Protein backbone atom coordinates (compact mmCIF):
# COMPACT_ATOMS: atom_id res chain seq x y z
CA MET A 1 21.38 -16.44 7.36
CA MET A 2 19.45 -13.78 5.43
CA SER A 3 21.61 -10.95 4.13
CA ALA A 4 20.65 -10.12 0.52
CA ILE A 5 17.11 -8.83 0.01
CA ALA A 6 15.66 -7.72 -3.31
CA ILE A 7 12.87 -5.14 -3.43
CA ILE A 8 10.91 -4.48 -6.57
CA ALA A 9 10.32 -1.60 -6.98
CA PRO A 10 11.97 1.53 -5.54
CA GLY A 11 8.75 3.51 -5.12
CA ALA A 12 7.88 5.45 -1.96
CA MET A 13 7.23 2.33 0.11
CA GLY A 14 9.92 0.15 -1.47
CA ALA A 15 12.64 2.77 -1.10
CA ALA A 16 11.73 3.46 2.53
CA VAL A 17 11.78 -0.26 3.32
CA ALA A 18 15.17 -0.51 1.59
CA HIS A 19 16.53 2.33 3.68
CA ARG A 20 15.47 0.62 6.90
CA LEU A 21 17.00 -2.68 5.79
CA SER A 22 20.27 -1.22 4.54
CA GLU A 23 20.69 0.80 7.73
CA ARG A 24 20.62 -2.48 9.63
CA GLY A 25 23.24 -4.15 7.44
CA ALA A 26 21.27 -5.85 4.66
CA THR A 27 22.34 -5.73 1.03
CA VAL A 28 19.30 -4.45 -0.85
CA LEU A 29 19.02 -5.19 -4.56
CA THR A 30 16.55 -3.73 -7.02
CA SER A 31 15.88 -3.28 -10.73
CA LEU A 32 16.47 0.18 -12.18
CA ALA A 33 16.00 -0.73 -15.85
CA GLY A 34 13.79 1.82 -17.53
CA ARG A 35 13.33 3.87 -14.37
CA SER A 36 13.38 7.66 -14.28
CA ALA A 37 16.37 9.67 -13.09
CA GLU A 38 14.38 10.68 -10.01
CA THR A 39 13.66 7.03 -9.14
CA ILE A 40 17.30 6.08 -9.63
CA ARG A 41 18.41 8.90 -7.32
CA ARG A 42 15.86 7.81 -4.69
CA ALA A 43 17.01 4.20 -4.90
CA GLU A 44 20.69 5.07 -4.57
CA ALA A 45 19.99 7.44 -1.67
CA THR A 46 18.32 4.65 0.28
CA GLY A 47 21.14 2.15 -0.24
CA MET A 48 19.60 0.11 -3.06
CA VAL A 49 21.91 -1.49 -5.62
CA GLY A 50 20.61 -1.75 -9.17
CA VAL A 51 21.20 -5.15 -10.80
CA ASP A 52 19.70 -7.23 -13.59
CA ASP A 53 16.95 -9.82 -13.08
CA GLY A 54 19.46 -12.68 -13.03
CA ALA A 55 21.16 -11.14 -10.00
CA ILE A 56 17.83 -10.32 -8.34
CA VAL A 57 16.97 -14.02 -8.08
CA GLU A 58 20.28 -14.68 -6.30
CA ALA A 59 18.94 -12.81 -3.25
CA ASP A 60 17.63 -14.63 -0.19
CA VAL A 61 14.18 -13.10 -0.56
CA ILE A 62 12.37 -11.00 -3.14
CA LEU A 63 9.80 -8.51 -1.81
CA SER A 64 7.33 -7.45 -4.49
CA ILE A 65 6.15 -3.94 -3.57
CA VAL A 66 4.44 -2.44 -6.62
CA PRO A 67 1.06 -0.87 -7.47
CA PRO A 68 -1.70 -3.53 -7.35
CA ALA A 69 -2.23 -3.52 -11.12
CA GLU A 70 1.44 -4.48 -11.68
CA ALA A 71 1.66 -7.37 -9.21
CA VAL A 72 0.78 -10.24 -11.57
CA ALA A 73 2.99 -8.91 -14.36
CA LEU A 74 5.95 -8.68 -11.99
CA ALA A 75 5.55 -12.32 -10.98
CA GLU A 76 5.32 -13.32 -14.64
CA ARG A 77 8.46 -11.32 -15.40
CA PHE A 78 10.47 -13.20 -12.78
CA ALA A 79 9.07 -16.66 -13.49
CA GLY A 80 11.81 -17.36 -16.05
CA PRO A 81 14.77 -16.14 -13.98
CA LEU A 82 13.43 -17.94 -10.90
CA SER A 83 13.11 -21.19 -12.84
CA ARG A 84 16.76 -20.93 -13.86
CA ALA A 85 18.04 -19.92 -10.42
CA ARG A 86 20.21 -22.53 -8.71
CA ARG A 87 19.21 -21.46 -5.21
CA LYS A 88 15.59 -20.40 -4.99
CA PRO A 89 14.78 -17.22 -3.05
CA ILE A 90 11.50 -16.74 -1.22
CA PHE A 91 9.15 -14.67 -3.38
CA ALA A 92 6.89 -12.55 -1.15
CA ASP A 93 4.07 -10.61 -2.75
CA CYS A 94 3.50 -7.60 -0.44
CA ASN A 95 0.96 -5.78 -2.58
CA ALA A 96 -2.56 -4.54 -1.87
CA VAL A 97 -4.30 -7.25 -3.90
CA ASN A 98 -7.31 -9.40 -3.19
CA VAL A 99 -7.18 -13.08 -2.28
CA GLU A 100 -7.89 -14.39 -5.78
CA THR A 101 -5.17 -12.17 -7.24
CA VAL A 102 -2.55 -13.36 -4.76
CA ARG A 103 -3.50 -16.98 -5.46
CA ARG A 104 -3.01 -16.29 -9.16
CA ILE A 105 0.42 -14.84 -8.40
CA ALA A 106 1.23 -17.92 -6.31
CA SER A 107 0.28 -20.13 -9.26
CA VAL A 108 2.72 -18.20 -11.47
CA ILE A 109 5.57 -18.68 -8.99
CA ALA A 110 4.83 -22.32 -8.05
CA PRO A 111 6.30 -23.95 -11.23
CA THR A 112 9.60 -22.13 -10.66
CA GLY A 113 10.22 -24.03 -7.43
CA ALA A 114 10.65 -20.82 -5.42
CA PRO A 115 8.82 -20.71 -2.07
CA PHE A 116 5.90 -18.26 -2.13
CA VAL A 117 4.67 -16.06 0.72
CA ASP A 118 1.59 -13.85 0.82
CA GLY A 119 2.32 -10.47 2.41
CA GLY A 120 0.44 -7.37 3.41
CA ILE A 121 1.86 -4.05 4.62
CA ILE A 122 -0.26 -2.02 7.01
CA GLY A 123 0.95 1.50 7.74
CA SER A 124 2.93 4.29 6.12
CA PRO A 125 6.47 3.82 4.74
CA PRO A 126 9.12 3.25 7.43
CA GLY A 127 10.54 6.43 8.83
CA PRO A 128 11.31 8.31 12.04
CA ALA A 129 7.60 8.50 12.94
CA SER A 130 6.31 5.43 11.12
CA ASP A 131 6.79 1.71 11.67
CA PRO A 132 4.47 -0.29 9.39
CA THR A 133 3.65 -3.91 10.09
CA PHE A 134 4.48 -6.62 7.58
CA TYR A 135 2.02 -9.51 7.81
CA PHE A 136 3.02 -12.79 6.13
CA SER A 137 1.04 -15.98 5.54
CA GLY A 138 1.66 -19.25 3.76
CA GLU A 139 3.77 -22.28 4.62
CA PRO A 140 7.25 -20.65 4.22
CA ALA A 141 6.19 -17.43 6.00
CA GLN A 142 8.00 -18.22 9.24
CA ALA A 143 11.35 -17.79 7.48
CA LEU A 144 10.54 -14.10 6.92
CA ALA A 145 10.39 -13.50 10.67
CA ARG A 146 14.13 -12.94 10.27
CA LEU A 147 13.39 -9.62 8.55
CA ALA A 148 12.85 -8.29 12.07
CA ASP A 149 16.63 -8.54 12.50
CA PHE A 150 16.87 -5.72 9.94
CA GLY A 151 14.39 -3.41 11.63
CA LEU A 152 11.06 -4.42 10.10
CA LYS A 153 8.01 -5.04 12.25
CA VAL A 154 6.94 -8.56 11.21
CA ARG A 155 3.96 -10.66 12.17
CA VAL A 156 3.66 -14.20 10.81
CA MET A 157 0.07 -15.41 10.53
CA THR A 158 -1.02 -19.01 11.02
CA ALA A 159 -2.95 -18.84 7.78
CA PRO A 160 -2.48 -20.11 4.22
CA VAL A 161 -1.72 -17.98 1.18
CA GLY A 162 -4.52 -15.42 1.03
CA GLY A 163 -4.59 -14.73 4.76
CA ALA A 164 -2.31 -11.70 4.71
CA SER A 165 -4.04 -10.28 1.64
CA ALA A 166 -7.47 -10.76 3.24
CA LEU A 167 -6.26 -8.85 6.30
CA LYS A 168 -4.87 -6.05 4.14
CA MET A 169 -8.09 -5.76 2.13
CA SER A 170 -10.22 -5.69 5.27
CA TYR A 171 -8.08 -3.15 7.11
CA ALA A 172 -7.70 -0.86 4.09
CA GLY A 173 -11.42 -1.09 3.37
CA ILE A 174 -12.14 0.22 6.86
CA ASN A 175 -9.28 2.70 7.26
CA LYS A 176 -9.30 4.29 3.81
CA GLY A 177 -13.02 3.73 3.37
CA VAL A 178 -13.76 5.99 6.36
CA THR A 179 -11.72 8.80 4.81
CA LEU A 180 -13.36 8.44 1.39
CA LEU A 181 -16.87 8.20 2.85
CA ALA A 182 -16.29 11.26 5.03
CA ALA A 183 -14.90 13.28 2.11
CA ALA A 184 -17.96 12.44 0.00
CA MET A 185 -20.33 13.54 2.78
CA ILE A 186 -18.36 16.74 3.43
CA LEU A 187 -18.80 17.63 -0.23
CA GLY A 188 -22.49 16.81 -0.02
CA ALA A 189 -22.84 19.12 2.97
CA THR A 190 -20.86 21.83 1.15
CA ARG A 191 -23.12 21.70 -1.90
CA ALA A 192 -26.17 22.04 0.35
CA GLY A 193 -24.71 24.92 2.37
CA ALA A 194 -24.33 22.86 5.54
CA ALA A 195 -20.54 22.48 5.75
CA GLU A 196 -20.10 24.93 8.62
CA ALA A 197 -22.88 23.28 10.62
CA LEU A 198 -21.45 19.81 9.92
CA HIS A 199 -18.03 20.89 11.12
CA ALA A 200 -19.51 22.38 14.30
CA GLU A 201 -21.46 19.21 15.03
CA LEU A 202 -18.46 16.95 14.45
CA SER A 203 -16.35 19.23 16.61
CA GLU A 204 -18.85 18.85 19.45
CA SER A 205 -19.95 15.21 19.16
CA GLN A 206 -17.10 13.51 17.23
CA PRO A 207 -13.92 15.48 17.97
CA GLN A 208 -11.63 12.46 17.54
CA LEU A 209 -13.12 11.66 14.14
CA LEU A 210 -12.82 15.30 13.07
CA GLY A 211 -9.19 15.40 14.16
CA ARG A 212 -8.50 12.25 12.19
CA LEU A 213 -10.16 13.67 9.06
CA ALA A 214 -8.17 16.89 9.36
CA ARG A 215 -5.06 14.72 8.92
CA SER A 216 -6.26 11.94 6.63
CA ILE A 217 -8.04 14.01 3.96
CA PRO A 218 -4.99 16.15 2.99
CA ASP A 219 -2.80 13.05 3.29
CA MET A 220 -5.09 11.33 0.77
CA TYR A 221 -4.43 13.69 -2.14
CA PRO A 222 -0.98 12.48 -3.31
CA LYS A 223 -2.01 8.83 -2.84
CA ILE A 224 -5.48 8.90 -4.36
CA TYR A 225 -4.37 7.52 -7.72
CA ARG A 226 -3.09 4.40 -5.93
CA TRP A 227 -6.18 4.14 -3.78
CA ALA A 228 -8.36 3.71 -6.89
CA ALA A 229 -6.73 0.39 -7.80
CA GLU A 230 -6.82 -0.68 -4.17
CA MET A 231 -10.56 -0.01 -3.97
CA ASP A 232 -10.95 -2.13 -7.13
CA GLU A 233 -9.12 -4.97 -5.38
CA ILE A 234 -11.29 -4.62 -2.28
CA ALA A 235 -14.41 -4.76 -4.46
CA GLU A 236 -13.10 -8.00 -5.97
CA PHE A 237 -12.37 -9.30 -2.47
CA LEU A 238 -16.05 -8.72 -1.62
CA GLY A 239 -17.22 -10.34 -4.86
CA ASP A 240 -19.68 -12.76 -3.20
CA ASP A 241 -21.48 -9.84 -1.53
CA PRO A 242 -22.87 -7.67 -4.35
CA ALA A 243 -24.08 -4.82 -2.14
CA ALA A 244 -20.73 -4.51 -0.34
CA ARG A 245 -18.86 -4.87 -3.62
CA HIS A 246 -20.79 -1.94 -5.08
CA ILE A 247 -19.75 0.28 -2.15
CA TYR A 248 -16.07 -0.14 -3.03
CA GLU A 249 -16.64 0.08 -6.76
CA GLY A 250 -18.18 3.47 -5.99
CA MET A 251 -15.18 4.41 -3.86
CA ALA A 252 -12.85 3.49 -6.72
CA ALA A 253 -14.88 5.78 -8.97
CA LEU A 254 -14.62 8.56 -6.36
CA CYS A 255 -10.84 8.16 -6.28
CA ARG A 256 -10.59 8.49 -10.05
CA HIS A 257 -12.91 11.48 -10.01
CA TRP A 258 -10.75 13.24 -7.42
CA VAL A 259 -7.59 12.46 -9.38
CA ALA A 260 -9.16 14.36 -12.26
CA ALA A 261 -10.33 17.08 -9.87
CA GLN A 262 -6.75 17.71 -8.75
CA ALA A 263 -5.55 17.87 -12.35
CA ASP A 264 -8.35 20.19 -13.46
CA GLY A 265 -8.32 22.43 -10.40
CA GLN A 266 -11.96 21.71 -9.67
CA ALA A 267 -13.71 23.24 -6.69
CA GLU A 268 -14.20 19.95 -4.85
CA ILE A 269 -10.61 19.76 -3.60
CA ALA A 270 -10.82 23.41 -2.54
CA ALA A 271 -14.03 22.63 -0.64
CA LEU A 272 -12.37 19.74 1.21
CA ASP A 273 -9.39 21.97 2.00
CA ALA A 274 -11.72 24.67 3.35
CA PHE A 275 -13.51 22.17 5.59
CA VAL A 276 -10.24 20.80 6.95
CA ALA A 277 -8.88 24.33 7.48
CA ARG A 278 -11.70 25.04 9.93
CA SER A 279 -10.17 22.45 12.26
CA SER A 280 -6.98 24.48 12.61
CA SER A 281 -8.70 27.87 12.84
CA PRO A 282 -9.34 29.46 16.24
CA GLN A 283 -12.83 28.59 17.46
CA ARG A 284 -15.15 31.22 18.93
CA SER A 285 -16.16 30.76 22.56
CA ASP A 286 -19.36 32.74 23.08
């Protein structure tokens, strides 16, 4: 019987997952050491209980949900407590990392004796209008099907460790890559004075794509700093294909450039906003 679930950390995704789990009767543990007052308030509001690392490893499962660059360090942090735990929880890495990274994380966890599962989350944080899918792979993955009892949408893959991460990398490369590619081309059209014509053409020949961009480009802004690291991971995932790898290295650079653009108030964000605003403006019918 699974009842105690630890989530590290209480970020936007982690806290939303915790809220869904706690609503369905799970005890959700987390670590609040060194976290900001805002993070602590968010964690408490979603039903998370702050405990030390020794108590974290007493849970039935630990879900690692952190920025990609922190995933390995988190596994290393819990290697000691997991080694000392009497009853080993399942450690599930649910981060947007490439296959080699998740295998490295698995190698950190393996000596502790804790079962390891590779996970990938596809979709926005759980909420009234969002129900992301949790994909799990690896030998112990079937045990995590029980998370569905607490309101999560779970799909267990018949694949070894690396399968869920490969799926996440591939899906994110397509889904987020389309938004980044489109934003770059919109800016190119804007610089050349063709933005209005581009919008008109998309409206006529690609209305579904234009509608999607009108939503996904503004939605990208608050997440773009996280997307940079994810594009780095996708580039690593494509390491044996230099041309494809370079595409996502370039996208990572774009993400970092647009992070700076938001901070500096540069015209590029305003240009993207202006293009998107055309989609909600009344269209002339001559």
